[in-house]
C-alpha cells in the first residue's frame, strides 16, 4: 500500500485487530533478518533477482486516521 489515505474512510472505527500483521511492529533489523532467511537455500542466480518490497506506511500512519478508536488487538 502506497498511502494510508484509504483508512480515512474508516474514521469511526472503534476496534482494530492487527494481530495477524506483525510487520507493523518489526524493526528494520528484524525485517532484514527475515529477508536474509528467505534467501537461504536459493541458488545464487535466483538471489540476484529477488527484490523485497519497501515499507510505505507505518502503524502510526494508519492510526492517525482512527480518531474514535477504543481498542487495538495485537497479539
Protein backbone atom coordinates (compact mmCIF):
# COMPACT_ATOMS: atom_id res chain seq x y z
CA UNK A 1 0.00 0.00 0.00
CA UNK A 2 1.49 3.33 -1.04
CA UNK A 3 -0.54 5.52 1.31
CA UNK A 4 -2.61 5.26 4.47
CA UNK A 5 -5.27 7.51 2.92
CA UNK A 6 -7.81 4.67 2.31
CA UNK A 7 -8.02 4.27 6.09
CA UNK A 8 -9.56 7.74 6.37
CA UNK A 9 -12.84 6.17 5.21
CA UNK A 10 -12.86 4.16 8.45
CA UNK A 11 -12.70 7.20 10.74
CA UNK A 12 -15.44 5.85 13.04
CA UNK A 13 -13.73 2.51 13.62
CA UNK A 14 -13.85 1.53 17.31
CA UNK A 15 -11.89 -1.76 17.32
CA UNK A 16 -8.83 -2.70 15.25
CA UNK A 17 -7.32 -6.20 15.15
CA UNK A 18 -3.82 -6.22 13.67
CA UNK A 19 -2.67 -9.40 15.37
CA UNK A 20 -2.03 -11.11 12.04
CA UNK A 21 0.16 -8.26 10.79
CA UNK A 22 3.46 -8.45 12.70
CA UNK A 23 5.14 -6.32 10.02
CA UNK A 24 3.73 -3.24 11.73
CA UNK A 25 5.87 -3.95 14.79
CA UNK A 26 9.10 -5.09 13.16
CA UNK A 27 12.24 -3.10 13.43
CA UNK A 28 14.28 -2.53 10.29
CA UNK A 29 16.83 -5.02 11.64
CA UNK A 30 14.17 -7.73 12.10
CA UNK A 31 12.89 -7.12 8.59
CA UNK A 32 16.41 -7.53 7.20
CA UNK A 33 16.85 -10.77 9.18
CA UNK A 34 13.64 -12.20 7.75
CA UNK A 35 14.63 -11.20 4.23
CA UNK A 36 18.04 -12.84 4.66
CA UNK A 37 16.40 -16.01 6.00
CA UNK A 38 14.07 -16.11 2.98
CA UNK A 39 17.07 -16.08 0.65
CA UNK A 40 18.75 -19.02 2.38
CA UNK A 41 18.78 -22.09 0.20
CA UNK A 42 18.17 -20.26 -3.07
CA UNK A 43 20.75 -20.65 -5.80
CA UNK A 44 22.91 -17.53 -6.34
CA UNK A 45 21.35 -16.74 -9.70
CA UNK A 46 17.88 -16.64 -8.14
CA UNK A 47 19.00 -14.46 -5.23
CA UNK A 48 20.07 -11.73 -7.65
CA UNK A 49 16.53 -11.41 -9.00
CA UNK A 50 14.81 -11.16 -5.61
CA UNK A 51 13.58 -7.73 -4.57
CA UNK A 52 11.71 -7.24 -1.31
CA UNK A 53 9.03 -4.57 -1.13
CA UNK A 54 9.67 -1.40 0.83
CA UNK A 55 7.62 -0.16 3.74
CA UNK A 56 5.49 2.69 2.52
CA UNK A 57 3.35 3.23 5.59
CA UNK A 58 3.71 2.60 9.29
CA UNK A 59 1.23 1.75 12.00
CA UNK A 60 1.40 5.38 13.11
CA UNK A 61 0.30 6.49 9.63
CA UNK A 62 -2.72 4.20 9.89
CA UNK A 63 -3.65 5.02 13.47
CA UNK A 64 -3.69 8.74 12.68
CA UNK A 65 -6.91 8.14 10.72
CA UNK A 66 -8.79 6.48 13.59
CA UNK A 67 -9.93 9.29 15.87
CA UNK A 68 -12.62 7.16 17.57
CA UNK A 69 -10.54 4.03 18.10
CA UNK A 70 -11.15 2.46 21.52
CA UNK A 71 -9.39 -0.91 21.27
CA UNK A 72 -6.36 -2.29 19.41
CA UNK A 73 -5.71 -6.03 19.37
CA UNK A 74 -2.15 -7.03 18.52
CA UNK A 75 -1.25 -10.43 19.94
